[in-house]
Amino acid sequence: MCDTFNVNSSSFTACLKIKNYLLHELQPILDDNRPIIFVCIGSDRSTGDSLGPLVGHKLQYFSKGNIHVYGTLKDPIHAKNIVDSLDNINSNFINPYIIAIDSCLGSLNNIGKVFIQKKPLLPGLALNKKLPPVGEMSITGIVNISSGFDFLVLQNTRLHIVMNLADSISRGIYYFILNSVNKTAKSQQYV
């Protein structure tokens, strides 16, 4: 198993690589029939922090079977409601496998890259917020450079970069959902 994966969101095959990584790494979770919950974190009030809600918005109608999406432009999950949102998820699902999606600041050469790690996401870190770790897997998109003025950097992030990241991540997850639902349907035909 690969604990860390990354791909440039502007790559033509980025979404397919994301789909393939998710299919490979989440196969044991699918086999165990655990609910998979994508928790899209961020705010639509800041361009640099809008990656999560944009991904959730693009996927909001693709909750299928045991796969669900939380956090959209209409109903974002952010610092003020994240604890309640996680409590709600944990009370509605038995042993959910949570995958957190959020924007991240990083080095100049990583801007526009998608990173997937098999570890929890620490939301609000760039703004020194004390929030609980989220998920067993995290998907982050590097939207801009990290500096001493992270709040201003997030406010002045180019929407084009965020949209490229949101498109690649949401398409990768969409193809993952289609493949896993089709695989489940085919396996149930032969039972």
N, C-alpha and C. Protein backbone atom coordinates (compact mmCIF):
# COMPACT_ATOMS: atom_id res chain seq x y z
N MET A 1 0.83 -1.18 0.00
CA MET A 1 0.00 0.00 0.00
C MET A 1 0.87 1.24 0.00
N CYS A 2 0.43 2.26 -0.74
CA CYS A 2 1.16 3.50 -0.86
C CYS A 2 0.53 4.54 0.06
N ASP A 3 1.30 5.05 1.02
CA ASP A 3 0.75 5.99 1.99
C ASP A 3 0.64 7.41 1.46
N THR A 4 1.43 7.78 0.44
CA THR A 4 1.36 9.13 -0.11
C THR A 4 1.36 9.06 -1.63
N PHE A 5 0.54 9.90 -2.22
CA PHE A 5 0.38 9.97 -3.66
C PHE A 5 0.27 11.44 -4.03
N ASN A 6 0.84 11.84 -5.18
CA ASN A 6 0.61 13.20 -5.66
C ASN A 6 0.61 13.23 -7.17
N VAL A 7 -0.12 14.22 -7.70
CA VAL A 7 -0.23 14.39 -9.15
C VAL A 7 -0.49 15.87 -9.41
N ASN A 8 0.02 16.36 -10.53
CA ASN A 8 -0.22 17.74 -10.92
C ASN A 8 -1.63 17.83 -11.51
N SER A 9 -2.44 18.74 -10.99
CA SER A 9 -3.84 18.83 -11.42
C SER A 9 -3.98 19.25 -12.88
N SER A 10 -2.95 19.86 -13.45
CA SER A 10 -3.04 20.27 -14.86
C SER A 10 -2.68 19.14 -15.82
N SER A 11 -2.26 18.00 -15.28
CA SER A 11 -1.97 16.83 -16.11
C SER A 11 -3.27 16.29 -16.71
N PHE A 12 -3.22 15.93 -17.97
CA PHE A 12 -4.39 15.42 -18.68
C PHE A 12 -4.96 14.17 -18.00
N THR A 13 -4.11 13.37 -17.38
CA THR A 13 -4.54 12.11 -16.77
C THR A 13 -4.68 12.19 -15.25
N ALA A 14 -4.67 13.40 -14.69
CA ALA A 14 -4.72 13.55 -13.23
C ALA A 14 -5.93 12.84 -12.62
N CYS A 15 -7.11 13.05 -13.20
CA CYS A 15 -8.32 12.46 -12.61
C CYS A 15 -8.28 10.93 -12.67
N LEU A 16 -7.71 10.38 -13.74
CA LEU A 16 -7.61 8.91 -13.84
C LEU A 16 -6.63 8.35 -12.82
N LYS A 17 -5.54 9.07 -12.59
CA LYS A 17 -4.57 8.64 -11.58
C LYS A 17 -5.18 8.70 -10.19
N ILE A 18 -5.97 9.74 -9.91
CA ILE A 18 -6.66 9.84 -8.62
C ILE A 18 -7.64 8.68 -8.47
N LYS A 19 -8.44 8.42 -9.51
CA LYS A 19 -9.40 7.31 -9.47
C LYS A 19 -8.69 5.99 -9.21
N ASN A 20 -7.60 5.73 -9.94
CA ASN A 20 -6.87 4.47 -9.77
C ASN A 20 -6.29 4.32 -8.38
N TYR A 21 -5.76 5.42 -7.84
CA TYR A 21 -5.20 5.36 -6.48
C TYR A 21 -6.32 5.04 -5.48
N LEU A 22 -7.44 5.74 -5.59
CA LEU A 22 -8.54 5.52 -4.66
C LEU A 22 -9.08 4.09 -4.78
N LEU A 23 -9.26 3.61 -6.01
CA LEU A 23 -9.75 2.23 -6.19
C LEU A 23 -8.81 1.22 -5.54
N HIS A 24 -7.52 1.41 -5.74
CA HIS A 24 -6.54 0.47 -5.18
C HIS A 24 -6.51 0.53 -3.66
N GLU A 25 -6.43 1.74 -3.12
CA GLU A 25 -6.27 1.89 -1.67
C GLU A 25 -7.55 1.63 -0.89
N LEU A 26 -8.70 1.88 -1.50
CA LEU A 26 -9.97 1.74 -0.78
C LEU A 26 -10.66 0.41 -1.03
N GLN A 27 -10.05 -0.46 -1.82
CA GLN A 27 -10.67 -1.75 -2.10
C GLN A 27 -10.99 -2.54 -0.82
N PRO A 28 -10.08 -2.59 0.16
CA PRO A 28 -10.43 -3.30 1.40
C PRO A 28 -11.63 -2.67 2.13
N ILE A 29 -11.76 -1.35 2.05
CA ILE A 29 -12.88 -0.66 2.69
C ILE A 29 -14.17 -1.02 1.96
N LEU A 30 -14.12 -1.03 0.62
CA LEU A 30 -15.29 -1.42 -0.18
C LEU A 30 -15.66 -2.87 0.09
N ASP A 31 -14.65 -3.74 0.18
CA ASP A 31 -14.91 -5.16 0.44
C ASP A 31 -15.57 -5.38 1.80
N ASP A 32 -15.20 -4.54 2.79
CA ASP A 32 -15.78 -4.64 4.14
C ASP A 32 -17.15 -3.97 4.22
N ASN A 33 -17.57 -3.34 3.12
CA ASN A 33 -18.86 -2.66 3.05
C ASN A 33 -18.99 -1.52 4.07
N ARG A 34 -17.84 -0.90 4.39
CA ARG A 34 -17.86 0.27 5.28
C ARG A 34 -18.33 1.49 4.50
N PRO A 35 -19.10 2.36 5.12
CA PRO A 35 -19.46 3.60 4.44
C PRO A 35 -18.23 4.47 4.21
N ILE A 36 -18.11 5.03 3.02
CA ILE A 36 -17.03 5.94 2.69
C ILE A 36 -17.63 7.34 2.61
N ILE A 37 -17.11 8.25 3.42
CA ILE A 37 -17.66 9.60 3.50
C ILE A 37 -16.57 10.59 3.08
N PHE A 38 -16.85 11.35 2.02
CA PHE A 38 -15.95 12.43 1.61
C PHE A 38 -16.41 13.70 2.32
N VAL A 39 -15.55 14.25 3.16
CA VAL A 39 -15.86 15.46 3.92
C VAL A 39 -15.06 16.60 3.29
N CYS A 40 -15.77 17.48 2.60
CA CYS A 40 -15.16 18.59 1.85
C CYS A 40 -15.15 19.83 2.73
N ILE A 41 -13.96 20.25 3.15
CA ILE A 41 -13.80 21.29 4.16
C ILE A 41 -13.36 22.60 3.51
N GLY A 42 -13.92 23.71 4.00
CA GLY A 42 -13.49 25.02 3.54
C GLY A 42 -14.63 26.01 3.54
N SER A 43 -14.34 27.19 3.01
CA SER A 43 -15.32 28.26 2.99
C SER A 43 -15.39 28.89 1.60
N ASP A 44 -16.59 29.23 1.19
CA ASP A 44 -16.76 29.90 -0.10
C ASP A 44 -16.48 31.40 0.01
N ARG A 45 -16.09 31.86 1.18
CA ARG A 45 -15.83 33.29 1.40
C ARG A 45 -14.37 33.66 1.14
N SER A 46 -13.56 32.67 0.84
CA SER A 46 -12.15 32.91 0.56
C SER A 46 -11.76 32.03 -0.63
N THR A 47 -11.25 32.64 -1.68
CA THR A 47 -10.91 31.89 -2.88
C THR A 47 -10.00 30.71 -2.56
N GLY A 48 -8.94 30.96 -1.80
CA GLY A 48 -7.98 29.92 -1.50
C GLY A 48 -8.51 28.81 -0.62
N ASP A 49 -9.58 29.09 0.11
CA ASP A 49 -10.14 28.10 1.02
C ASP A 49 -11.38 27.43 0.45
N SER A 50 -11.70 27.71 -0.81
CA SER A 50 -12.95 27.21 -1.39
C SER A 50 -12.82 25.86 -2.09
N LEU A 51 -11.64 25.26 -2.08
CA LEU A 51 -11.45 23.99 -2.78
C LEU A 51 -12.42 22.90 -2.30
N GLY A 52 -12.50 22.69 -1.01
CA GLY A 52 -13.39 21.66 -0.47
C GLY A 52 -14.84 21.84 -0.88
N PRO A 53 -15.43 23.03 -0.62
CA PRO A 53 -16.82 23.24 -1.04
C PRO A 53 -17.05 23.12 -2.55
N LEU A 54 -16.06 23.51 -3.35
CA LEU A 54 -16.20 23.36 -4.81
C LEU A 54 -16.24 21.88 -5.20
N VAL A 55 -15.37 21.08 -4.60
CA VAL A 55 -15.38 19.64 -4.88
C VAL A 55 -16.72 19.05 -4.44
N GLY A 56 -17.17 19.41 -3.24
CA GLY A 56 -18.45 18.91 -2.75
C GLY A 56 -19.60 19.34 -3.63
N HIS A 57 -19.56 20.56 -4.13
CA HIS A 57 -20.60 21.07 -5.03
C HIS A 57 -20.65 20.24 -6.31
N LYS A 58 -19.49 19.93 -6.85
CA LYS A 58 -19.43 19.16 -8.10
C LYS A 58 -19.89 17.71 -7.90
N LEU A 59 -19.80 17.21 -6.66
CA LEU A 59 -20.14 15.81 -6.39
C LEU A 59 -21.44 15.63 -5.61
N GLN A 60 -22.15 16.71 -5.33
CA GLN A 60 -23.28 16.64 -4.41
C GLN A 60 -24.38 15.67 -4.83
N TYR A 61 -24.50 15.37 -6.09
CA TYR A 61 -25.55 14.46 -6.55
C TYR A 61 -25.02 13.05 -6.84
N PHE A 62 -23.79 12.78 -6.44
CA PHE A 62 -23.19 11.49 -6.76
C PHE A 62 -22.97 10.60 -5.54
N SER A 63 -23.70 10.84 -4.47
CA SER A 63 -23.68 9.90 -3.35
C SER A 63 -24.38 8.64 -3.82
N LYS A 64 -23.67 7.54 -3.83
CA LYS A 64 -24.23 6.28 -4.34
C LYS A 64 -23.89 5.15 -3.37
N GLY A 65 -24.86 4.29 -3.13
CA GLY A 65 -24.61 3.12 -2.29
C GLY A 65 -24.06 3.53 -0.93
N ASN A 66 -22.87 3.09 -0.66
CA ASN A 66 -22.23 3.33 0.63
C ASN A 66 -21.25 4.51 0.57
N ILE A 67 -21.33 5.34 -0.47
CA ILE A 67 -20.42 6.46 -0.64
C ILE A 67 -21.22 7.76 -0.56
N HIS A 68 -20.78 8.66 0.32
CA HIS A 68 -21.52 9.90 0.58
C HIS A 68 -20.58 11.10 0.56
N VAL A 69 -21.15 12.27 0.21
CA VAL A 69 -20.37 13.51 0.13
C VAL A 69 -21.00 14.55 1.05
N TYR A 70 -20.18 15.15 1.90
CA TYR A 70 -20.62 16.22 2.81
C TYR A 70 -19.76 17.45 2.56
N GLY A 71 -20.37 18.63 2.63
CA GLY A 71 -19.66 19.89 2.46
C GLY A 71 -19.76 20.39 1.04
N THR A 72 -20.61 21.39 0.81
CA THR A 72 -20.82 21.94 -0.53
C THR A 72 -20.77 23.47 -0.44
N LEU A 73 -20.93 24.12 -1.58
CA LEU A 73 -21.00 25.58 -1.57
C LEU A 73 -22.24 26.04 -0.79
N LYS A 74 -23.34 25.32 -0.91
CA LYS A 74 -24.56 25.69 -0.21
C LYS A 74 -24.44 25.40 1.29
N ASP A 75 -23.88 24.26 1.65
CA ASP A 75 -23.73 23.84 3.05
C ASP A 75 -22.28 23.48 3.34
N PRO A 76 -21.40 24.50 3.45
CA PRO A 76 -19.98 24.21 3.66
C PRO A 76 -19.69 23.69 5.06
N ILE A 77 -18.63 22.92 5.16
CA ILE A 77 -18.12 22.48 6.46
C ILE A 77 -16.86 23.30 6.71
N HIS A 78 -16.88 24.08 7.78
CA HIS A 78 -15.78 25.00 8.08
C HIS A 78 -15.49 24.99 9.58
N ALA A 79 -14.61 25.86 10.01
CA ALA A 79 -14.14 25.88 11.40
C ALA A 79 -15.28 25.96 12.41
N LYS A 80 -16.33 26.69 12.07
CA LYS A 80 -17.41 26.91 13.05
C LYS A 80 -18.37 25.73 13.19
N ASN A 81 -18.43 24.85 12.18
CA ASN A 81 -19.39 23.75 12.27
C ASN A 81 -18.78 22.37 12.08
N ILE A 82 -17.46 22.29 12.01
CA ILE A 82 -16.83 21.01 11.70
C ILE A 82 -17.06 19.95 12.79
N VAL A 83 -17.03 20.36 14.04
CA VAL A 83 -17.24 19.39 15.13
C VAL A 83 -18.66 18.83 15.06
N ASP A 84 -19.66 19.70 14.87
CA ASP A 84 -21.05 19.24 14.75
C ASP A 84 -21.24 18.36 13.52
N SER A 85 -20.59 18.72 12.41
CA SER A 85 -20.70 17.92 11.17
C SER A 85 -20.13 16.52 11.38
N LEU A 86 -18.98 16.43 12.02
CA LEU A 86 -18.37 15.12 12.28
C LEU A 86 -19.21 14.29 13.24
N ASP A 87 -19.79 14.96 14.27
CA ASP A 87 -20.68 14.25 15.20
C ASP A 87 -21.89 13.71 14.45
N ASN A 88 -22.44 14.51 13.53
CA ASN A 88 -23.59 14.09 12.73
C ASN A 88 -23.25 12.87 11.86
N ILE A 89 -22.09 12.91 11.22
CA ILE A 89 -21.66 11.78 10.38
C ILE A 89 -21.49 10.53 11.22
N ASN A 90 -20.82 10.67 12.35
CA ASN A 90 -20.56 9.50 13.21
C ASN A 90 -21.83 8.94 13.85
N SER A 91 -22.86 9.77 14.01
CA SER A 91 -24.11 9.24 14.57
C SER A 91 -25.00 8.60 13.49
N ASN A 92 -24.77 8.96 12.22
CA ASN A 92 -25.59 8.41 11.14
C ASN A 92 -24.97 7.21 10.43
N PHE A 93 -23.69 6.95 10.67
CA PHE A 93 -23.02 5.84 9.99
C PHE A 93 -22.24 5.01 11.00
N ILE A 94 -22.24 3.72 10.78
CA ILE A 94 -21.47 2.82 11.64
C ILE A 94 -20.07 2.65 11.06
N ASN A 95 -19.08 3.01 11.84
CA ASN A 95 -17.67 2.87 11.47
C ASN A 95 -17.36 3.46 10.08
N PRO A 96 -17.67 4.75 9.86
CA PRO A 96 -17.42 5.33 8.54
C PRO A 96 -15.93 5.52 8.27
N TYR A 97 -15.55 5.35 7.02
CA TYR A 97 -14.19 5.66 6.57
C TYR A 97 -14.25 7.06 5.99
N ILE A 98 -13.70 8.02 6.71
CA ILE A 98 -13.81 9.43 6.32
C ILE A 98 -12.57 9.85 5.54
N ILE A 99 -12.82 10.50 4.41
CA ILE A 99 -11.76 11.06 3.57
C ILE A 99 -11.98 12.57 3.56
N ALA A 100 -11.03 13.31 4.15
CA ALA A 100 -11.14 14.76 4.25
C ALA A 100 -10.51 15.41 3.02
N ILE A 101 -11.18 16.44 2.51
CA ILE A 101 -10.69 17.17 1.34
C ILE A 101 -10.59 18.64 1.73
N ASP A 102 -9.42 19.25 1.48
CA ASP A 102 -9.23 20.65 1.85
C ASP A 102 -8.12 21.25 1.02
N SER A 103 -8.10 22.57 0.99
CA SER A 103 -6.99 23.28 0.34
C SER A 103 -5.83 23.37 1.31
N CYS A 104 -4.67 23.62 0.77
CA CYS A 104 -3.46 23.65 1.58
C CYS A 104 -2.48 24.65 0.96
N LEU A 105 -1.66 25.24 1.80
CA LEU A 105 -0.58 26.09 1.31
C LEU A 105 0.70 25.28 1.34
N GLY A 106 1.60 25.54 0.42
CA GLY A 106 2.83 24.75 0.35
C GLY A 106 3.94 25.51 -0.34
N SER A 107 4.88 24.77 -0.89
CA SER A 107 6.01 25.40 -1.57
C SER A 107 5.62 25.78 -3.00
N LEU A 108 6.37 26.67 -3.58
CA LEU A 108 6.09 27.19 -4.92
C LEU A 108 6.01 26.07 -5.96
N ASN A 109 6.92 25.09 -5.87
CA ASN A 109 6.93 24.01 -6.87
C ASN A 109 5.80 23.00 -6.70
N ASN A 110 5.03 23.10 -5.60
CA ASN A 110 3.89 22.18 -5.40
C ASN A 110 2.53 22.81 -5.70
N ILE A 111 2.51 24.09 -6.03
CA ILE A 111 1.23 24.74 -6.32
C ILE A 111 0.57 24.03 -7.51
N GLY A 112 -0.71 23.68 -7.33
CA GLY A 112 -1.45 22.98 -8.38
C GLY A 112 -1.39 21.48 -8.26
N LYS A 113 -0.70 20.96 -7.26
CA LYS A 113 -0.61 19.51 -7.08
C LYS A 113 -1.66 19.02 -6.09
N VAL A 114 -2.11 17.80 -6.32
CA VAL A 114 -3.03 17.11 -5.43
C VAL A 114 -2.21 16.09 -4.64
N PHE A 115 -2.35 16.10 -3.34
CA PHE A 115 -1.68 15.12 -2.47
C PHE A 115 -2.74 14.29 -1.77
N ILE A 116 -2.56 12.98 -1.80
CA ILE A 116 -3.44 12.08 -1.05
C ILE A 116 -2.57 11.31 -0.08
N GLN A 117 -2.96 11.38 1.19
CA GLN A 117 -2.19 10.70 2.23
C GLN A 117 -3.12 9.84 3.08
N LYS A 118 -2.60 8.72 3.53
CA LYS A 118 -3.37 7.84 4.40
C LYS A 118 -3.13 8.25 5.85
N LYS A 119 -3.58 9.46 6.14
CA LYS A 119 -3.52 9.99 7.50
C LYS A 119 -4.57 11.09 7.61
N PRO A 120 -4.95 11.44 8.83
CA PRO A 120 -5.97 12.48 9.00
C PRO A 120 -5.51 13.84 8.51
N LEU A 121 -6.47 14.66 8.18
CA LEU A 121 -6.24 16.05 7.79
C LEU A 121 -6.30 16.90 9.05
N LEU A 122 -5.45 17.91 9.12
CA LEU A 122 -5.49 18.84 10.24
C LEU A 122 -6.00 20.18 9.72
N PRO A 123 -7.32 20.38 9.71
CA PRO A 123 -7.88 21.61 9.13
C PRO A 123 -7.53 22.84 9.96
N GLY A 124 -7.46 23.98 9.29
CA GLY A 124 -7.21 25.25 9.98
C GLY A 124 -5.77 25.48 10.40
N LEU A 125 -4.89 24.58 10.02
CA LEU A 125 -3.49 24.68 10.45
C LEU A 125 -2.84 25.97 9.96
N ALA A 126 -3.12 26.36 8.72
CA ALA A 126 -2.52 27.57 8.15
C ALA A 126 -2.93 28.83 8.91
N LEU A 127 -4.09 28.79 9.53
CA LEU A 127 -4.59 29.97 10.24
C LEU A 127 -4.53 29.79 11.75
N ASN A 128 -3.73 28.82 12.21
CA ASN A 128 -3.51 28.56 13.63
C ASN A 128 -4.80 28.27 14.40
N LYS A 129 -5.71 27.56 13.77
CA LYS A 129 -6.96 27.19 14.44
C LYS A 129 -6.80 25.80 15.03
N LYS A 130 -7.33 25.61 16.22
CA LYS A 130 -7.28 24.32 16.90
C LYS A 130 -8.55 23.54 16.59
N LEU A 131 -8.46 22.68 15.57
CA LEU A 131 -9.60 21.87 15.15
C LEU A 131 -9.22 20.40 15.22
N PRO A 132 -10.21 19.52 15.37
CA PRO A 132 -9.89 18.09 15.47
C PRO A 132 -9.37 17.54 14.14
N PRO A 133 -8.50 16.53 14.21
CA PRO A 133 -8.08 15.85 12.98
C PRO A 133 -9.30 15.19 12.33
N VAL A 134 -9.29 15.16 10.99
CA VAL A 134 -10.45 14.63 10.26
C VAL A 134 -10.02 13.51 9.34
N GLY A 135 -10.65 12.36 9.50
CA GLY A 135 -10.52 11.27 8.54
C GLY A 135 -9.39 10.29 8.78
N GLU A 136 -9.42 9.27 7.94
CA GLU A 136 -8.36 8.26 7.90
C GLU A 136 -7.50 8.47 6.66
N MET A 137 -8.02 9.26 5.72
CA MET A 137 -7.30 9.61 4.50
C MET A 137 -7.58 11.08 4.24
N SER A 138 -6.61 11.75 3.61
CA SER A 138 -6.81 13.17 3.29
C SER A 138 -6.41 13.44 1.85
N ILE A 139 -7.19 14.32 1.22
CA ILE A 139 -6.89 14.79 -0.13
C ILE A 139 -6.73 16.30 -0.02
N THR A 140 -5.54 16.78 -0.35
CA THR A 140 -5.30 18.22 -0.28
C THR A 140 -4.82 18.72 -1.63
N GLY A 141 -5.22 19.95 -1.92
CA GLY A 141 -4.76 20.62 -3.13
C GLY A 141 -3.95 21.83 -2.72
N ILE A 142 -2.74 21.95 -3.25
CA ILE A 142 -1.88 23.09 -2.90
C ILE A 142 -2.31 24.27 -3.76
N VAL A 143 -2.89 25.29 -3.11
CA VAL A 143 -3.47 26.41 -3.83
C VAL A 143 -2.55 27.62 -3.94
N ASN A 144 -1.57 27.71 -3.03
CA ASN A 144 -0.68 28.87 -3.03
C ASN A 144 0.50 28.60 -2.12
N ILE A 145 1.41 29.58 -2.03
CA ILE A 145 2.61 29.40 -1.21
C ILE A 145 2.31 29.72 0.25
N SER A 146 2.98 29.01 1.12
CA SER A 146 2.88 29.27 2.55
C SER A 146 3.82 30.41 2.90
N SER A 147 3.33 31.32 3.73
CA SER A 147 4.16 32.46 4.15
C SER A 147 3.73 32.87 5.54
N GLY A 148 4.24 33.97 6.01
CA GLY A 148 3.85 34.47 7.32
C GLY A 148 2.49 35.13 7.30
N PHE A 149 1.92 35.32 6.11
CA PHE A 149 0.63 35.99 5.97
C PHE A 149 -0.37 35.07 5.29
N ASP A 150 -0.56 33.88 5.86
CA ASP A 150 -1.37 32.85 5.23
C ASP A 150 -2.81 33.31 4.97
N PHE A 151 -3.40 34.09 5.87
CA PHE A 151 -4.77 34.56 5.66
C PHE A 151 -4.86 35.41 4.39
N LEU A 152 -3.90 36.32 4.22
CA LEU A 152 -3.89 37.18 3.02
C LEU A 152 -3.60 36.36 1.76
N VAL A 153 -2.72 35.37 1.89
CA VAL A 153 -2.39 34.52 0.74
C VAL A 153 -3.64 33.76 0.29
N LEU A 154 -4.41 33.21 1.24
CA LEU A 154 -5.63 32.49 0.89
C LEU A 154 -6.64 33.42 0.22
N GLN A 155 -6.73 34.67 0.71
CA GLN A 155 -7.67 35.64 0.14
C GLN A 155 -7.27 36.04 -1.28
N ASN A 156 -5.98 35.96 -1.59
CA ASN A 156 -5.48 36.43 -2.89
C ASN A 156 -5.02 35.29 -3.80
N THR A 157 -5.60 34.13 -3.61
CA THR A 157 -5.26 32.97 -4.44
C THR A 157 -6.05 33.03 -5.75
N ARG A 158 -5.40 32.65 -6.83
CA ARG A 158 -6.06 32.65 -8.14
C ARG A 158 -7.13 31.56 -8.21
N LEU A 159 -8.32 31.96 -8.63
CA LEU A 159 -9.44 31.03 -8.77
C LEU A 159 -9.12 29.95 -9.79
N HIS A 160 -8.36 30.28 -10.81
CA HIS A 160 -8.00 29.30 -11.85
C HIS A 160 -7.30 28.08 -11.24
N ILE A 161 -6.38 28.31 -10.33
CA ILE A 161 -5.65 27.20 -9.69
C ILE A 161 -6.62 26.35 -8.88
N VAL A 162 -7.48 27.01 -8.10
CA VAL A 162 -8.44 26.29 -7.27
C VAL A 162 -9.40 25.48 -8.14
N MET A 163 -9.86 26.05 -9.25
CA MET A 163 -10.79 25.33 -10.13
C MET A 163 -10.12 24.13 -10.80
N ASN A 164 -8.87 24.27 -11.23
CA ASN A 164 -8.14 23.13 -11.80
C ASN A 164 -8.06 21.98 -10.80
N LEU A 165 -7.71 22.33 -9.56
CA LEU A 165 -7.62 21.31 -8.50
C LEU A 165 -8.99 20.69 -8.25
N ALA A 166 -10.03 21.52 -8.15
CA ALA A 166 -11.38 21.01 -7.88
C ALA A 166 -11.86 20.10 -9.01
N ASP A 167 -11.58 20.48 -10.25
CA ASP A 167 -11.97 19.64 -11.39
C ASP A 167 -11.28 18.28 -11.34
N SER A 168 -9.98 18.26 -11.13
CA SER A 168 -9.23 17.00 -11.10
C SER A 168 -9.68 16.10 -9.95
N ILE A 169 -9.82 16.68 -8.77
CA ILE A 169 -10.22 15.89 -7.60
C ILE A 169 -11.64 15.36 -7.77
N SER A 170 -12.57 16.23 -8.16
CA SER A 170 -13.97 15.80 -8.26
C SER A 170 -14.14 14.75 -9.37
N ARG A 171 -13.46 14.93 -10.50
CA ARG A 171 -13.55 13.92 -11.56
C ARG A 171 -12.96 12.59 -11.13
N GLY A 172 -11.83 12.64 -10.42
CA GLY A 172 -11.22 11.41 -9.92
C GLY A 172 -12.15 10.68 -8.97
N ILE A 173 -12.79 11.41 -8.08
CA ILE A 173 -13.73 10.81 -7.13
C ILE A 173 -14.98 10.31 -7.87
N TYR A 174 -15.46 11.08 -8.84
CA TYR A 174 -16.62 10.68 -9.63
C TYR A 174 -16.36 9.34 -10.33
N TYR A 175 -15.21 9.22 -10.98
CA TYR A 175 -14.87 7.95 -11.66
C TYR A 175 -14.67 6.82 -10.65
N PHE A 176 -14.13 7.14 -9.48
CA PHE A 176 -13.99 6.15 -8.41
C PHE A 176 -15.37 5.64 -7.99
N ILE A 177 -16.32 6.58 -7.79
CA ILE A 177 -17.67 6.19 -7.38
C ILE A 177 -18.32 5.31 -8.45
N LEU A 178 -18.23 5.72 -9.71
CA LEU A 178 -18.81 4.93 -10.81
C LEU A 178 -18.21 3.53 -10.86
N ASN A 179 -16.89 3.44 -10.76
CA ASN A 179 -16.23 2.14 -10.82
C ASN A 179 -16.61 1.27 -9.64
N SER A 180 -16.67 1.84 -8.43
CA SER A 180 -16.98 1.01 -7.27
C SER A 180 -18.43 0.57 -7.27
N VAL A 181 -19.35 1.44 -7.70
CA VAL A 181 -20.76 1.06 -7.75
C VAL A 181 -20.96 0.00 -8.83
N ASN A 182 -20.34 0.16 -9.99
CA ASN A 182 -20.45 -0.84 -11.07
C ASN A 182 -19.86 -2.17 -10.65
N LYS A 183 -18.72 -2.11 -9.95
CA LYS A 183 -18.08 -3.35 -9.48
C LYS A 183 -18.97 -4.09 -8.50
N THR A 184 -19.59 -3.34 -7.59
CA THR A 184 -20.48 -3.94 -6.60
C THR A 184 -21.70 -4.56 -7.28
N ALA A 185 -22.26 -3.83 -8.25
CA ALA A 185 -23.43 -4.34 -8.97
C ALA A 185 -23.10 -5.63 -9.73
N LYS A 186 -21.94 -5.67 -10.37
CA LYS A 186 -21.53 -6.87 -11.12
C LYS A 186 -21.32 -8.05 -10.17
N SER A 187 -20.69 -7.81 -9.02
CA SER A 187 -20.42 -8.91 -8.09
C SER A 187 -21.71 -9.45 -7.50
N GLN A 188 -22.75 -8.59 -7.34
CA GLN A 188 -24.02 -9.04 -6.79
C GLN A 188 -24.82 -9.84 -7.82
N GLN A 189 -24.54 -9.64 -9.11
CA GLN A 189 -25.23 -10.40 -10.15
C GLN A 189 -24.90 -11.88 -10.07
N TYR A 190 -23.69 -12.19 -9.66
CA TYR A 190 -23.22 -13.58 -9.68
C TYR A 190 -23.37 -14.29 -8.36
N VAL A 191 -24.04 -13.65 -7.42
CA VAL A 191 -24.22 -14.29 -6.11
C VAL A 191 -25.41 -15.19 -6.12
